[in-house]
N, C-alpha and C. Protein backbone atom coordinates (compact mmCIF):
# COMPACT_ATOMS: atom_id res chain seq x y z
N UNK A 1 9.16 0.98 5.60
CA UNK A 1 8.09 1.84 6.05
C UNK A 1 6.85 0.99 6.31
N UNK A 2 6.19 1.24 7.38
CA UNK A 2 4.97 0.52 7.72
C UNK A 2 3.80 1.48 7.58
N UNK A 3 2.86 1.15 6.66
CA UNK A 3 1.70 2.01 6.48
C UNK A 3 2.13 3.42 6.11
N UNK A 4 1.49 4.40 6.73
CA UNK A 4 1.78 5.79 6.39
C UNK A 4 2.74 6.45 7.37
N UNK A 5 3.27 5.69 8.32
CA UNK A 5 4.21 6.25 9.29
C UNK A 5 5.48 6.67 8.55
N UNK A 6 5.76 7.96 8.57
CA UNK A 6 6.94 8.52 7.89
C UNK A 6 7.01 8.16 6.41
N UNK A 7 5.88 7.80 5.83
CA UNK A 7 5.90 7.30 4.47
C UNK A 7 6.34 8.35 3.45
N UNK A 8 5.89 9.56 3.60
CA UNK A 8 6.22 10.58 2.60
C UNK A 8 7.72 10.76 2.47
N UNK A 9 8.41 11.00 3.58
CA UNK A 9 9.85 11.25 3.51
C UNK A 9 10.61 9.99 3.11
N UNK A 10 10.15 8.84 3.57
CA UNK A 10 10.81 7.59 3.20
C UNK A 10 10.67 7.32 1.71
N UNK A 11 9.46 7.48 1.19
CA UNK A 11 9.24 7.25 -0.23
C UNK A 11 10.01 8.26 -1.08
N UNK A 12 10.08 9.48 -0.63
CA UNK A 12 10.84 10.49 -1.36
C UNK A 12 12.31 10.09 -1.42
N UNK A 13 12.84 9.59 -0.32
CA UNK A 13 14.23 9.15 -0.30
C UNK A 13 14.44 7.96 -1.24
N UNK A 14 13.48 7.04 -1.27
CA UNK A 14 13.58 5.88 -2.15
C UNK A 14 13.55 6.29 -3.61
N UNK A 15 12.67 7.24 -3.94
CA UNK A 15 12.48 7.63 -5.33
C UNK A 15 13.59 8.55 -5.84
N UNK A 16 14.12 9.39 -4.97
CA UNK A 16 15.09 10.39 -5.41
C UNK A 16 16.52 10.06 -4.99
N UNK A 17 16.69 9.01 -4.21
CA UNK A 17 18.02 8.63 -3.74
C UNK A 17 18.79 7.86 -4.79
N UNK A 18 19.98 7.41 -4.40
CA UNK A 18 20.83 6.65 -5.30
C UNK A 18 20.12 5.35 -5.69
N UNK A 19 20.08 5.01 -6.98
CA UNK A 19 19.29 3.86 -7.45
C UNK A 19 20.00 2.51 -7.26
N UNK A 20 20.31 2.19 -6.03
CA UNK A 20 21.01 0.93 -5.75
C UNK A 20 20.19 0.01 -4.86
N UNK A 21 18.88 0.17 -4.89
CA UNK A 21 18.01 -0.59 -4.00
C UNK A 21 16.93 -1.33 -4.78
N UNK A 22 16.47 -2.41 -4.19
CA UNK A 22 15.30 -3.14 -4.68
C UNK A 22 14.24 -3.08 -3.60
N UNK A 23 12.98 -3.13 -3.99
CA UNK A 23 11.89 -2.99 -3.03
C UNK A 23 10.97 -4.19 -3.12
N UNK A 24 10.70 -4.78 -1.97
CA UNK A 24 9.84 -5.96 -1.89
C UNK A 24 8.53 -5.58 -1.23
N UNK A 25 7.45 -6.11 -1.76
CA UNK A 25 6.12 -5.87 -1.22
C UNK A 25 5.52 -7.22 -0.85
N UNK A 26 5.01 -7.32 0.37
CA UNK A 26 4.40 -8.56 0.85
C UNK A 26 2.93 -8.30 1.14
N UNK A 27 2.08 -9.12 0.57
CA UNK A 27 0.65 -9.02 0.83
C UNK A 27 0.17 -10.35 1.41
N UNK A 28 -0.59 -10.25 2.50
CA UNK A 28 -1.18 -11.41 3.14
C UNK A 28 -2.69 -11.32 2.92
N UNK A 29 -3.17 -11.99 1.89
CA UNK A 29 -4.54 -11.83 1.44
C UNK A 29 -5.57 -12.20 2.50
N UNK A 30 -5.28 -13.20 3.33
CA UNK A 30 -6.24 -13.61 4.36
C UNK A 30 -6.43 -12.50 5.40
N UNK A 31 -5.39 -11.76 5.70
CA UNK A 31 -5.49 -10.66 6.65
C UNK A 31 -6.21 -9.48 6.02
N UNK A 32 -6.00 -9.26 4.74
CA UNK A 32 -6.59 -8.11 4.06
C UNK A 32 -8.10 -8.24 3.88
N UNK A 33 -8.65 -9.42 4.10
CA UNK A 33 -10.10 -9.62 3.96
C UNK A 33 -10.77 -9.34 5.31
N UNK A 34 -10.65 -8.12 5.77
CA UNK A 34 -11.25 -7.75 7.04
C UNK A 34 -12.66 -7.21 6.82
N UNK A 35 -13.32 -6.88 7.91
CA UNK A 35 -14.69 -6.35 7.84
C UNK A 35 -14.70 -4.98 7.18
N UNK A 36 -15.82 -4.61 6.56
CA UNK A 36 -15.92 -3.30 5.92
C UNK A 36 -15.74 -2.15 6.92
N UNK A 37 -15.22 -1.04 6.43
CA UNK A 37 -15.08 0.15 7.25
C UNK A 37 -16.46 0.70 7.60
N UNK A 38 -16.58 1.28 8.77
CA UNK A 38 -17.83 1.92 9.17
C UNK A 38 -17.68 3.43 8.93
N UNK A 39 -18.36 3.91 7.90
CA UNK A 39 -18.20 5.32 7.52
C UNK A 39 -19.54 6.02 7.39
N UNK A 40 -20.57 5.49 8.04
CA UNK A 40 -21.91 6.05 7.88
C UNK A 40 -22.00 7.53 8.24
N UNK A 41 -21.21 7.98 9.18
CA UNK A 41 -21.28 9.36 9.65
C UNK A 41 -20.42 10.32 8.82
N UNK A 42 -19.83 9.82 7.73
CA UNK A 42 -18.94 10.65 6.93
C UNK A 42 -19.32 10.54 5.46
N UNK A 43 -20.34 11.29 5.02
CA UNK A 43 -20.82 11.17 3.63
C UNK A 43 -19.75 11.49 2.60
N UNK A 44 -18.76 12.27 2.96
CA UNK A 44 -17.70 12.62 2.01
C UNK A 44 -16.81 11.41 1.69
N UNK A 45 -16.98 10.33 2.48
CA UNK A 45 -16.19 9.12 2.25
C UNK A 45 -17.02 7.99 1.63
N UNK A 46 -18.11 8.33 0.98
CA UNK A 46 -18.98 7.33 0.37
C UNK A 46 -18.24 6.43 -0.61
N UNK A 47 -17.19 6.94 -1.22
CA UNK A 47 -16.41 6.14 -2.16
C UNK A 47 -15.82 4.90 -1.48
N UNK A 48 -15.71 4.94 -0.17
CA UNK A 48 -15.13 3.82 0.57
C UNK A 48 -16.16 2.81 1.06
N UNK A 49 -17.43 3.02 0.75
CA UNK A 49 -18.46 2.08 1.21
C UNK A 49 -18.17 0.69 0.68
N UNK A 50 -18.27 -0.27 1.58
CA UNK A 50 -18.00 -1.66 1.22
C UNK A 50 -16.54 -2.03 1.18
N UNK A 51 -15.67 -1.08 1.42
CA UNK A 51 -14.22 -1.34 1.43
C UNK A 51 -13.78 -1.65 2.86
N UNK A 52 -12.70 -2.40 2.97
CA UNK A 52 -12.14 -2.73 4.28
C UNK A 52 -10.79 -2.03 4.45
N UNK A 53 -10.28 -2.05 5.65
CA UNK A 53 -8.95 -1.50 5.89
C UNK A 53 -7.93 -2.25 5.04
N UNK A 54 -8.13 -3.55 4.89
CA UNK A 54 -7.24 -4.35 4.03
C UNK A 54 -7.26 -3.87 2.59
N UNK A 55 -8.45 -3.49 2.09
CA UNK A 55 -8.55 -2.95 0.73
C UNK A 55 -7.72 -1.68 0.59
N UNK A 56 -7.79 -0.83 1.59
CA UNK A 56 -7.04 0.43 1.54
C UNK A 56 -5.54 0.19 1.60
N UNK A 57 -5.12 -0.72 2.47
CA UNK A 57 -3.69 -1.02 2.59
C UNK A 57 -3.17 -1.63 1.28
N UNK A 58 -3.95 -2.51 0.68
CA UNK A 58 -3.55 -3.14 -0.58
C UNK A 58 -3.44 -2.08 -1.69
N UNK A 59 -4.42 -1.18 -1.77
CA UNK A 59 -4.38 -0.12 -2.78
C UNK A 59 -3.15 0.77 -2.58
N UNK A 60 -2.86 1.08 -1.34
CA UNK A 60 -1.69 1.89 -1.03
C UNK A 60 -0.41 1.17 -1.47
N UNK A 61 -0.34 -0.10 -1.20
CA UNK A 61 0.84 -0.88 -1.56
C UNK A 61 1.06 -0.89 -3.08
N UNK A 62 -0.01 -1.11 -3.84
CA UNK A 62 0.11 -1.13 -5.30
C UNK A 62 0.47 0.26 -5.85
N UNK A 63 -0.06 1.30 -5.24
CA UNK A 63 0.25 2.67 -5.69
C UNK A 63 1.72 3.01 -5.45
N UNK A 64 2.23 2.60 -4.30
CA UNK A 64 3.65 2.86 -4.00
C UNK A 64 4.53 2.08 -4.97
N UNK A 65 4.17 0.83 -5.21
CA UNK A 65 4.95 0.03 -6.15
C UNK A 65 4.96 0.67 -7.53
N UNK A 66 3.81 1.14 -8.00
CA UNK A 66 3.72 1.79 -9.31
C UNK A 66 4.58 3.05 -9.36
N UNK A 67 4.56 3.83 -8.28
CA UNK A 67 5.37 5.05 -8.23
C UNK A 67 6.86 4.72 -8.31
N UNK A 68 7.27 3.69 -7.60
CA UNK A 68 8.68 3.30 -7.63
C UNK A 68 9.07 2.79 -9.02
N UNK A 69 8.20 2.02 -9.65
CA UNK A 69 8.49 1.51 -10.99
C UNK A 69 8.66 2.64 -11.99
N UNK A 70 7.90 3.72 -11.82
CA UNK A 70 8.02 4.87 -12.73
C UNK A 70 9.41 5.48 -12.68
N UNK A 71 10.10 5.33 -11.57
CA UNK A 71 11.47 5.86 -11.45
C UNK A 71 12.51 4.87 -11.94
N UNK A 72 12.05 3.65 -12.34
CA UNK A 72 12.98 2.63 -12.80
C UNK A 72 13.46 1.71 -11.70
N UNK A 73 12.89 1.84 -10.50
CA UNK A 73 13.31 1.01 -9.38
C UNK A 73 12.90 -0.44 -9.60
N UNK A 74 13.69 -1.33 -9.04
CA UNK A 74 13.41 -2.76 -9.10
C UNK A 74 12.46 -3.13 -7.96
N UNK A 75 11.36 -3.82 -8.29
CA UNK A 75 10.40 -4.21 -7.26
C UNK A 75 10.07 -5.70 -7.39
N UNK A 76 9.63 -6.27 -6.29
CA UNK A 76 9.18 -7.65 -6.25
C UNK A 76 7.97 -7.72 -5.34
N UNK A 77 6.92 -8.40 -5.77
CA UNK A 77 5.71 -8.53 -4.95
C UNK A 77 5.50 -10.00 -4.64
N UNK A 78 5.29 -10.29 -3.34
CA UNK A 78 4.99 -11.64 -2.88
C UNK A 78 3.61 -11.61 -2.24
N UNK A 79 2.71 -12.46 -2.74
CA UNK A 79 1.36 -12.51 -2.19
C UNK A 79 1.12 -13.90 -1.59
N UNK A 80 0.61 -13.90 -0.37
CA UNK A 80 0.34 -15.13 0.34
C UNK A 80 -1.15 -15.22 0.62
N UNK A 81 -1.73 -16.39 0.40
CA UNK A 81 -3.16 -16.54 0.67
C UNK A 81 -3.42 -16.70 2.15
N UNK A 82 -2.47 -17.23 2.90
CA UNK A 82 -2.62 -17.40 4.35
C UNK A 82 -1.35 -16.96 5.05
N UNK A 83 -1.47 -16.61 6.31
CA UNK A 83 -0.33 -16.18 7.10
C UNK A 83 0.46 -17.37 7.55
């Protein structure tokens, strides 16, 4: 699954399907250090001030990994400082 495209149904299948899979997570830290999001016109998103798209993608990745671990799934995370 890439980002949130079909993520809900894919994650549901991973979590509730037959437990014969391992899940790998790849983070490219240099790419994730992007410019901050521009959210000035959306006060309801103040919690995101100073955050970048990379920050959001990284948070999503860690949350998915934690959810999978709660089901007993095997996970592996690889972090790279440069592409």
